[in-house]
Amino acid sequence: MKASRIAAVGALAGSAVLVLSGPAFAHVSVAAEGMAAKGGYATVNFKVPNERDNASTTKVEVNFPTDHPLASAQPEAVPGWKIKVTRAKLDKPIELHGEQIDEAVSKVTWTATGKGIEPGYFQKFPLSLGQLPEDTDELVFKALQTYSNKEVVRWIEVPQKGQEEPEHPAPVLALSAASGDHHGSSTAASDESEDAKDAEAASKETAAEPADSSDTTARVLAIVGIVVGAAGVAYGVLAGRRRTEA
């Protein structure tokens, strides 16, 4: 009797864990490939799982933050999906690379041209974003997920620190501390330049070695030739004298 009660309680606890962890596991999320440093550029992936057993995800719309606008969003081609980047005028222009930008990306929409994301699957949607803001630790993207049965799930609830995760949390991108190289390439280019210089210098030294050896050898042979020639001439003179005296 006790054993059966314990088993029942265990089964209930297990199912409760599954129910509670389900939504947290299945929500639309965003993550950077590598780092998303403040003031720099980053490639991010929006991960969209299909939560339905009888419908496919046919449309994903990601709305960009208006409090920290992004001037650039370049999508990577995703087979089976049509991509549209929508831009909007800014109420207040922002400065980017010394220029005033009066419009920014407002949303990116992926629309399936085939079956979409079928039950039991997920899809990643890559974007290259920039320039990332320097005055915030995170960016909130509100997403809408449309199914083939016309159902729309709105992932727009902003998670709050110290509170439980909402039922439909919005994707949040965490930003790391700013680096000295916002583009992620200047340092590498400098290193490559130094490496190239070192390689060139080494190449010149290597190329110079045979020439120096060749010059030294030629000089030695020339001196030996002169000495041998002089010895031959001296020998001839001496021989001539001996013959004359004889």
C-alpha atoms as a PDB file:
ATOM      1  CA  MET A   1       0.000   0.000   0.000  1.00  0.00           C
ATOM      2  CA  LYS A   2       2.738   2.406   1.011  1.00  0.00           C
ATOM      3  CA  ALA A   3       4.783   1.427  -2.028  1.00  0.00           C
ATOM      4  CA  SER A   4       1.885   2.164  -4.386  1.00  0.00           C
ATOM      5  CA  ARG A   5       1.316   5.561  -2.761  1.00  0.00           C
ATOM      6  CA  ILE A   6       5.008   6.437  -3.091  1.00  0.00           C
ATOM      7  CA  ALA A   7       4.942   5.403  -6.749  1.00  0.00           C
ATOM      8  CA  ALA A   8       1.854   7.551  -7.371  1.00  0.00           C
ATOM      9  CA  VAL A   9       3.415  10.574  -5.685  1.00  0.00           C
ATOM     10  CA  GLY A  10       6.608  10.052  -7.688  1.00  0.00           C
ATOM     11  CA  ALA A  11       4.659   9.877 -10.937  1.00  0.00           C
ATOM     12  CA  LEU A  12       2.777  13.077 -10.064  1.00  0.00           C
ATOM     13  CA  ALA A  13       6.028  14.874  -9.214  1.00  0.00           C
ATOM     14  CA  GLY A  14       7.629  13.715 -12.447  1.00  0.00           C
ATOM     15  CA  SER A  15       4.714  14.907 -14.556  1.00  0.00           C
ATOM     16  CA  ALA A  16       4.721  18.254 -12.738  1.00  0.00           C
ATOM     17  CA  VAL A  17       8.389  18.724 -13.571  1.00  0.00           C
ATOM     18  CA  LEU A  18       7.700  17.967 -17.219  1.00  0.00           C
ATOM     19  CA  VAL A  19       4.788  20.390 -17.346  1.00  0.00           C
ATOM     20  CA  LEU A  20       6.765  23.156 -15.654  1.00  0.00           C
ATOM     21  CA  SER A  21       9.898  22.656 -17.748  1.00  0.00           C
ATOM     22  CA  GLY A  22       8.043  22.302 -21.064  1.00  0.00           C
ATOM     23  CA  PRO A  23       7.306  25.982 -21.805  1.00  0.00           C
ATOM     24  CA  ALA A  24      10.762  27.089 -20.594  1.00  0.00           C
ATOM     25  CA  PHE A  25      12.413  24.609 -22.942  1.00  0.00           C
ATOM     26  CA  ALA A  26      10.243  25.327 -25.975  1.00  0.00           C
ATOM     27  CA  HIS A  27      10.123  29.104 -26.207  1.00  0.00           C
ATOM     28  CA  VAL A  28      11.588  31.181 -29.031  1.00  0.00           C
ATOM     29  CA  SER A  29      15.097  32.287 -28.043  1.00  0.00           C
ATOM     30  CA  VAL A  30      18.096  34.198 -29.378  1.00  0.00           C
ATOM     31  CA  ALA A  31      21.807  33.519 -28.849  1.00  0.00           C
ATOM     32  CA  ALA A  32      25.012  34.938 -30.305  1.00  0.00           C
ATOM     33  CA  GLU A  33      27.595  32.930 -32.191  1.00  0.00           C
ATOM     34  CA  GLY A  34      30.575  33.722 -30.007  1.00  0.00           C
ATOM     35  CA  MET A  35      30.295  37.140 -28.353  1.00  0.00           C
ATOM     36  CA  ALA A  36      27.874  40.038 -28.763  1.00  0.00           C
ATOM     37  CA  ALA A  37      30.035  42.915 -27.491  1.00  0.00           C
ATOM     38  CA  LYS A  38      28.663  46.374 -26.847  1.00  0.00           C
ATOM     39  CA  GLY A  39      29.458  48.745 -29.688  1.00  0.00           C
ATOM     40  CA  GLY A  40      30.366  45.906 -32.037  1.00  0.00           C
ATOM     41  CA  TYR A  41      28.718  43.549 -34.495  1.00  0.00           C
ATOM     42  CA  ALA A  42      27.467  40.013 -33.914  1.00  0.00           C
ATOM     43  CA  THR A  43      25.899  37.059 -35.666  1.00  0.00           C
ATOM     44  CA  VAL A  44      22.929  35.708 -33.752  1.00  0.00           C
ATOM     45  CA  ASN A  45      20.519  32.809 -34.176  1.00  0.00           C
ATOM     46  CA  PHE A  46      16.819  32.952 -33.416  1.00  0.00           C
ATOM     47  CA  LYS A  47      15.814  29.420 -32.431  1.00  0.00           C
ATOM     48  CA  VAL A  48      12.168  28.590 -33.108  1.00  0.00           C
ATOM     49  CA  PRO A  49      10.777  25.217 -31.943  1.00  0.00           C
ATOM     50  CA  ASN A  50       7.435  23.825 -33.089  1.00  0.00           C
ATOM     51  CA  GLU A  51       5.213  23.272 -30.050  1.00  0.00           C
ATOM     52  CA  ARG A  52       2.217  21.808 -31.859  1.00  0.00           C
ATOM     53  CA  ASP A  53       1.541  18.192 -32.793  1.00  0.00           C
ATOM     54  CA  ASN A  54      -0.976  18.957 -35.539  1.00  0.00           C
ATOM     55  CA  ALA A  55       0.397  22.102 -37.230  1.00  0.00           C
ATOM     56  CA  SER A  56       3.608  23.476 -38.717  1.00  0.00           C
ATOM     57  CA  THR A  57       5.197  26.873 -38.100  1.00  0.00           C
ATOM     58  CA  THR A  58       4.835  28.819 -41.330  1.00  0.00           C
ATOM     59  CA  LYS A  59       5.824  32.342 -40.301  1.00  0.00           C
ATOM     60  CA  VAL A  60       8.195  33.949 -37.789  1.00  0.00           C
ATOM     61  CA  GLU A  61       8.242  37.697 -37.191  1.00  0.00           C
ATOM     62  CA  VAL A  62      10.925  39.250 -34.972  1.00  0.00           C
ATOM     63  CA  ASN A  63      10.354  42.848 -33.893  1.00  0.00           C
ATOM     64  CA  PHE A  64      13.457  44.901 -33.094  1.00  0.00           C
ATOM     65  CA  PRO A  65      13.857  47.080 -30.001  1.00  0.00           C
ATOM     66  CA  THR A  66      12.851  50.714 -30.420  1.00  0.00           C
ATOM     67  CA  ASP A  67      14.669  51.982 -27.316  1.00  0.00           C
ATOM     68  CA  HIS A  68      18.004  50.748 -28.688  1.00  0.00           C
ATOM     69  CA  PRO A  69      17.600  50.779 -32.496  1.00  0.00           C
ATOM     70  CA  LEU A  70      19.867  48.750 -34.763  1.00  0.00           C
ATOM     71  CA  ALA A  71      20.848  50.231 -38.120  1.00  0.00           C
ATOM     72  CA  SER A  72      21.810  46.939 -39.760  1.00  0.00           C
ATOM     73  CA  ALA A  73      20.397  43.416 -39.926  1.00  0.00           C
ATOM     74  CA  GLN A  74      21.652  41.089 -42.651  1.00  0.00           C
ATOM     75  CA  PRO A  75      19.903  37.714 -42.821  1.00  0.00           C
ATOM     76  CA  GLU A  76      21.494  34.481 -43.934  1.00  0.00           C
ATOM     77  CA  ALA A  77      19.570  32.589 -46.583  1.00  0.00           C
ATOM     78  CA  VAL A  78      17.478  29.786 -45.087  1.00  0.00           C
ATOM     79  CA  PRO A  79      16.305  27.099 -47.540  1.00  0.00           C
ATOM     80  CA  GLY A  80      12.496  26.934 -47.712  1.00  0.00           C
ATOM     81  CA  TRP A  81      11.982  30.437 -46.300  1.00  0.00           C
ATOM     82  CA  LYS A  82      11.395  33.888 -47.795  1.00  0.00           C
ATOM     83  CA  ILE A  83      12.988  36.701 -45.780  1.00  0.00           C
ATOM     84  CA  LYS A  84      11.921  40.343 -45.525  1.00  0.00           C
ATOM     85  CA  VAL A  85      13.777  43.055 -43.616  1.00  0.00           C
ATOM     86  CA  THR A  86      11.567  46.026 -42.721  1.00  0.00           C
ATOM     87  CA  ARG A  87      13.021  49.418 -41.863  1.00  0.00           C
ATOM     88  CA  ALA A  88      11.378  52.437 -40.217  1.00  0.00           C
ATOM     89  CA  LYS A  89      12.158  56.112 -39.643  1.00  0.00           C
ATOM     90  CA  LEU A  90      13.592  56.996 -36.245  1.00  0.00           C
ATOM     91  CA  ASP A  91      12.089  59.696 -34.049  1.00  0.00           C
ATOM     92  CA  LYS A  92      15.615  60.642 -33.058  1.00  0.00           C
ATOM     93  CA  PRO A  93      18.582  59.977 -35.402  1.00  0.00           C
ATOM     94  CA  ILE A  94      21.506  57.946 -34.091  1.00  0.00           C
ATOM     95  CA  GLU A  95      25.207  58.309 -34.902  1.00  0.00           C
ATOM     96  CA  LEU A  96      26.989  55.421 -36.590  1.00  0.00           C
ATOM     97  CA  HIS A  97      30.614  55.625 -37.783  1.00  0.00           C
ATOM     98  CA  GLY A  98      30.439  59.405 -37.588  1.00  0.00           C
ATOM     99  CA  GLU A  99      27.247  59.617 -39.674  1.00  0.00           C
ATOM    100  CA  GLN A 100      23.698  60.424 -38.632  1.00  0.00           C
ATOM    101  CA  ILE A 101      21.305  57.518 -39.271  1.00  0.00           C
ATOM    102  CA  ASP A 102      17.624  58.423 -39.432  1.00  0.00           C
ATOM    103  CA  GLU A 103      16.191  54.922 -39.928  1.00  0.00           C
ATOM    104  CA  ALA A 104      16.689  51.486 -38.396  1.00  0.00           C
ATOM    105  CA  VAL A 105      15.490  47.910 -38.691  1.00  0.00           C
ATOM    106  CA  SER A 106      11.996  47.531 -37.237  1.00  0.00           C
ATOM    107  CA  LYS A 107      11.428  43.828 -37.902  1.00  0.00           C
ATOM    108  CA  VAL A 108      12.540  40.769 -39.850  1.00  0.00           C
ATOM    109  CA  THR A 109       9.985  38.293 -41.166  1.00  0.00           C
ATOM    110  CA  TRP A 110      10.561  34.709 -42.316  1.00  0.00           C
ATOM    111  CA  THR A 111       7.723  33.131 -44.327  1.00  0.00           C
ATOM    112  CA  ALA A 112       7.800  29.451 -45.280  1.00  0.00           C
ATOM    113  CA  THR A 113       7.679  28.649 -48.985  1.00  0.00           C
ATOM    114  CA  GLY A 114       7.249  24.938 -48.230  1.00  0.00           C
ATOM    115  CA  LYS A 115       6.176  22.904 -45.198  1.00  0.00           C
ATOM    116  CA  GLY A 116       7.815  25.194 -42.638  1.00  0.00           C
ATOM    117  CA  ILE A 117       8.830  23.842 -39.234  1.00  0.00           C
ATOM    118  CA  GLU A 118       7.014  20.553 -38.832  1.00  0.00           C
ATOM    119  CA  PRO A 119       5.966  18.982 -35.507  1.00  0.00           C
ATOM    120  CA  GLY A 120       8.934  17.647 -33.539  1.00  0.00           C
ATOM    121  CA  TYR A 121      11.448  19.993 -35.204  1.00  0.00           C
ATOM    122  CA  PHE A 122      13.020  23.416 -34.672  1.00  0.00           C
ATOM    123  CA  GLN A 123      14.669  25.921 -37.003  1.00  0.00           C
ATOM    124  CA  LYS A 124      17.452  28.463 -36.563  1.00  0.00           C
ATOM    125  CA  PHE A 125      17.245  31.839 -38.305  1.00  0.00           C
ATOM    126  CA  PRO A 126      20.678  33.605 -38.448  1.00  0.00           C
ATOM    127  CA  LEU A 127      21.125  37.378 -38.560  1.00  0.00           C
ATOM    128  CA  SER A 128      24.176  39.629 -38.597  1.00  0.00           C
ATOM    129  CA  LEU A 129      23.399  42.620 -36.358  1.00  0.00           C
ATOM    130  CA  GLY A 130      25.065  45.939 -35.675  1.00  0.00           C
ATOM    131  CA  GLN A 131      26.155  48.282 -34.472  1.00  0.00           C
ATOM    132  CA  LEU A 132      25.185  47.048 -31.015  1.00  0.00           C
ATOM    133  CA  PRO A 133      24.425  49.734 -28.393  1.00  0.00           C
ATOM    134  CA  GLU A 134      26.910  50.558 -25.652  1.00  0.00           C
ATOM    135  CA  ASP A 135      24.435  51.790 -23.012  1.00  0.00           C
ATOM    136  CA  THR A 136      22.562  48.565 -22.213  1.00  0.00           C
ATOM    137  CA  ASP A 137      23.309  45.017 -21.098  1.00  0.00           C
ATOM    138  CA  GLU A 138      20.638  43.325 -23.202  1.00  0.00           C
ATOM    139  CA  LEU A 139      18.342  43.669 -26.199  1.00  0.00           C
ATOM    140  CA  VAL A 140      14.743  42.446 -26.149  1.00  0.00           C
ATOM    141  CA  PHE A 141      13.221  41.140 -29.386  1.00  0.00           C
ATOM    142  CA  LYS A 142       9.479  40.462 -29.399  1.00  0.00           C
ATOM    143  CA  ALA A 143       8.525  37.576 -31.700  1.00  0.00           C
ATOM    144  CA  LEU A 144       5.320  36.288 -33.276  1.00  0.00           C
ATOM    145  CA  GLN A 145       5.056  32.621 -34.314  1.00  0.00           C
ATOM    146  CA  THR A 146       2.322  31.704 -36.807  1.00  0.00           C
ATOM    147  CA  TYR A 147       1.148  28.121 -37.387  1.00  0.00           C
ATOM    148  CA  SER A 148      -0.417  26.525 -40.427  1.00  0.00           C
ATOM    149  CA  ASN A 149      -3.777  26.405 -38.588  1.00  0.00           C
ATOM    150  CA  LYS A 150      -3.672  30.244 -38.313  1.00  0.00           C
ATOM    151  CA  GLU A 151      -2.801  30.186 -34.608  1.00  0.00           C
ATOM    152  CA  VAL A 152      -0.420  32.971 -33.559  1.00  0.00           C
ATOM    153  CA  VAL A 153       1.757  32.659 -30.442  1.00  0.00           C
ATOM    154  CA  ARG A 154       3.063  35.994 -29.188  1.00  0.00           C
ATOM    155  CA  TRP A 155       6.480  35.749 -27.520  1.00  0.00           C
ATOM    156  CA  ILE A 156       6.398  39.303 -26.176  1.00  0.00           C
ATOM    157  CA  GLU A 157       6.503  39.130 -22.374  1.00  0.00           C
ATOM    158  CA  VAL A 158       9.665  40.764 -21.040  1.00  0.00           C
ATOM    159  CA  PRO A 159      11.377  38.645 -18.342  1.00  0.00           C
ATOM    160  CA  GLN A 160      11.956  40.523 -15.084  1.00  0.00           C
ATOM    161  CA  LYS A 161      14.917  39.919 -12.797  1.00  0.00           C
ATOM    162  CA  GLY A 162      13.983  38.192  -9.557  1.00  0.00           C
ATOM    163  CA  GLN A 163      10.662  36.967 -10.960  1.00  0.00           C
ATOM    164  CA  GLU A 164       9.526  33.703 -12.517  1.00  0.00           C
ATOM    165  CA  GLU A 165       9.852  33.373 -16.243  1.00  0.00           C
ATOM    166  CA  PRO A 166       6.616  34.410 -18.000  1.00  0.00           C
ATOM    167  CA  GLU A 167       4.600  31.934 -20.022  1.00  0.00           C
ATOM    168  CA  HIS A 168       5.567  33.517 -23.353  1.00  0.00           C
ATOM    169  CA  PRO A 169       8.935  35.230 -22.767  1.00  0.00           C
ATOM    170  CA  ALA A 170      10.418  37.475 -25.442  1.00  0.00           C
ATOM    171  CA  PRO A 171      13.853  36.505 -26.806  1.00  0.00           C
ATOM    172  CA  VAL A 172      16.591  38.422 -24.949  1.00  0.00           C
ATOM    173  CA  LEU A 173      20.138  38.896 -26.265  1.00  0.00           C
ATOM    174  CA  ALA A 174      22.758  39.453 -23.543  1.00  0.00           C
ATOM    175  CA  LEU A 175      25.551  41.891 -24.440  1.00  0.00           C
ATOM    176  CA  SER A 176      29.108  41.503 -23.175  1.00  0.00           C
ATOM    177  CA  ALA A 177      31.549  44.275 -22.259  1.00  0.00           C
ATOM    178  CA  ALA A 178      32.833  46.394 -25.115  1.00  0.00           C
ATOM    179  CA  SER A 179      36.104  45.310 -26.706  1.00  0.00           C
ATOM    180  CA  GLY A 180      38.817  47.524 -28.186  1.00  0.00           C
ATOM    181  CA  ASP A 181      38.060  46.137 -31.636  1.00  0.00           C
ATOM    182  CA  HIS A 182      34.384  46.737 -32.444  1.00  0.00           C
ATOM    183  CA  HIS A 183      34.623  45.086 -35.816  1.00  0.00           C
ATOM    184  CA  GLY A 184      36.500  42.063 -34.538  1.00  0.00           C
ATOM    185  CA  SER A 185      38.994  42.319 -37.366  1.00  0.00           C
ATOM    186  CA  SER A 186      41.436  45.198 -36.736  1.00  0.00           C
ATOM    187  CA  THR A 187      43.551  43.276 -34.241  1.00  0.00           C
ATOM    188  CA  ALA A 188      43.623  40.246 -36.485  1.00  0.00           C
ATOM    189  CA  ALA A 189      44.586  42.406 -39.449  1.00  0.00           C
ATOM    190  CA  SER A 190      47.378  43.998 -37.424  1.00  0.00           C
ATOM    191  CA  ASP A 191      48.662  40.571 -36.377  1.00  0.00           C
ATOM    192  CA  GLU A 192      48.481  39.350 -39.959  1.00  0.00           C
ATOM    193  CA  SER A 193      50.377  42.454 -41.093  1.00  0.00           C
ATOM    194  CA  GLU A 194      53.117  41.865 -38.522  1.00  0.00           C
ATOM    195  CA  ASP A 195      53.290  38.194 -39.489  1.00  0.00           C
ATOM    196  CA  ALA A 196      53.556  39.198 -43.139  1.00  0.00           C
ATOM    197  CA  LYS A 197      56.391  41.601 -42.348  1.00  0.00           C
ATOM    198  CA  ASP A 198      58.253  38.944 -40.368  1.00  0.00           C
ATOM    199  CA  ALA A 199      57.748  36.437 -43.158  1.00  0.00           C
ATOM    200  CA  GLU A 200      58.988  38.928 -45.733  1.00  0.00           C
ATOM    201  CA  ALA A 201      62.081  39.716 -43.665  1.00  0.00           C
ATOM    202  CA  ALA A 202      62.782  36.022 -43.154  1.00  0.00           C
ATOM    203  CA  SER A 203      62.329  35.451 -46.872  1.00  0.00           C
ATOM    204  CA  LYS A 204      64.826  38.210 -47.672  1.00  0.00           C
ATOM    205  CA  GLU A 205      67.359  36.786 -45.221  1.00  0.00           C
ATOM    206  CA  THR A 206      66.916  33.310 -46.652  1.00  0.00           C
ATOM    207  CA  ALA A 207      67.240  34.629 -50.175  1.00  0.00           C
ATOM    208  CA  ALA A 208      70.367  36.598 -49.242  1.00  0.00           C
ATOM    209  CA  GLU A 209      72.199  33.632 -47.775  1.00  0.00           C
ATOM    210  CA  PRO A 210      72.939  31.814 -51.069  1.00  0.00           C
ATOM    211  CA  ALA A 211      74.098  35.078 -52.678  1.00  0.00           C
ATOM    212  CA  ASP A 212      76.509  35.804 -49.817  1.00  0.00           C
ATOM    213  CA  SER A 213      77.879  32.248 -49.913  1.00  0.00           C
ATOM    214  CA  SER A 214      78.249  32.441 -53.660  1.00  0.00           C
ATOM    215  CA  ASP A 215      80.144  35.752 -53.472  1.00  0.00           C
ATOM    216  CA  THR A 216      82.478  34.424 -50.782  1.00  0.00           C
ATOM    217  CA  THR A 217      83.178  31.264 -52.748  1.00  0.00           C
ATOM    218  CA  ALA A 218      83.893  33.266 -55.900  1.00  0.00           C
ATOM    219  CA  ARG A 219      86.296  35.533 -54.057  1.00  0.00           C
ATOM    220  CA  VAL A 220      88.166  32.590 -52.525  1.00  0.00           C
ATOM    221  CA  LEU A 221      88.475  30.887 -55.912  1.00  0.00           C
ATOM    222  CA  ALA A 222      89.690  34.114 -57.500  1.00  0.00           C
ATOM    223  CA  ILE A 223      92.370  34.568 -54.845  1.00  0.00           C
ATOM    224  CA  VAL A 224      93.430  30.931 -55.174  1.00  0.00           C
ATOM    225  CA  GLY A 225      93.593  31.393 -58.919  1.00  0.00           C
ATOM    226  CA  ILE A 226      95.750  34.473 -58.582  1.00  0.00           C
ATOM    227  CA  VAL A 227      98.098  32.709 -56.143  1.00  0.00           C
ATOM    228  CA  VAL A 228      98.370  29.656 -58.394  1.00  0.00           C
ATOM    229  CA  GLY A 229      98.950  31.878 -61.421  1.00  0.00           C
ATOM    230  CA  ALA A 230     101.618  33.864 -59.633  1.00  0.00           C
ATOM    231  CA  ALA A 231     103.288  30.644 -58.478  1.00  0.00           C
ATOM    232  CA  GLY A 232     103.247  29.365 -62.037  1.00  0.00           C
ATOM    233  CA  VAL A 233     104.825  32.539 -63.379  1.00  0.00           C
ATOM    234  CA  ALA A 234     107.516  32.475 -60.680  1.00  0.00           C
ATOM    235  CA  TYR A 235     108.231  28.848 -61.410  1.00  0.00           C
ATOM    236  CA  GLY A 236     108.564  29.622 -65.116  1.00  0.00           C
ATOM    237  CA  VAL A 237     110.985  32.490 -64.489  1.00  0.00           C
ATOM    238  CA  LEU A 238     113.144  30.365 -62.172  1.00  0.00           C
ATOM    239  CA  ALA A 239     113.169  27.516 -64.685  1.00  0.00           C
ATOM    240  CA  GLY A 240     114.241  29.901 -67.441  1.00  0.00           C
ATOM    241  CA  ARG A 241     117.056  31.249 -65.357  1.00  0.00           C
ATOM    242  CA  ARG A 242     118.357  27.769 -64.567  1.00  0.00           C
ATOM    243  CA  ARG A 243     118.386  26.878 -68.210  1.00  0.00           C
ATOM    244  CA  THR A 244     120.270  30.084 -69.090  1.00  0.00           C
ATOM    245  CA  GLU A 245     122.868  29.506 -66.373  1.00  0.00           C
ATOM    246  CA  ALA A 246     123.319  25.975 -67.471  1.00  0.00           C
END
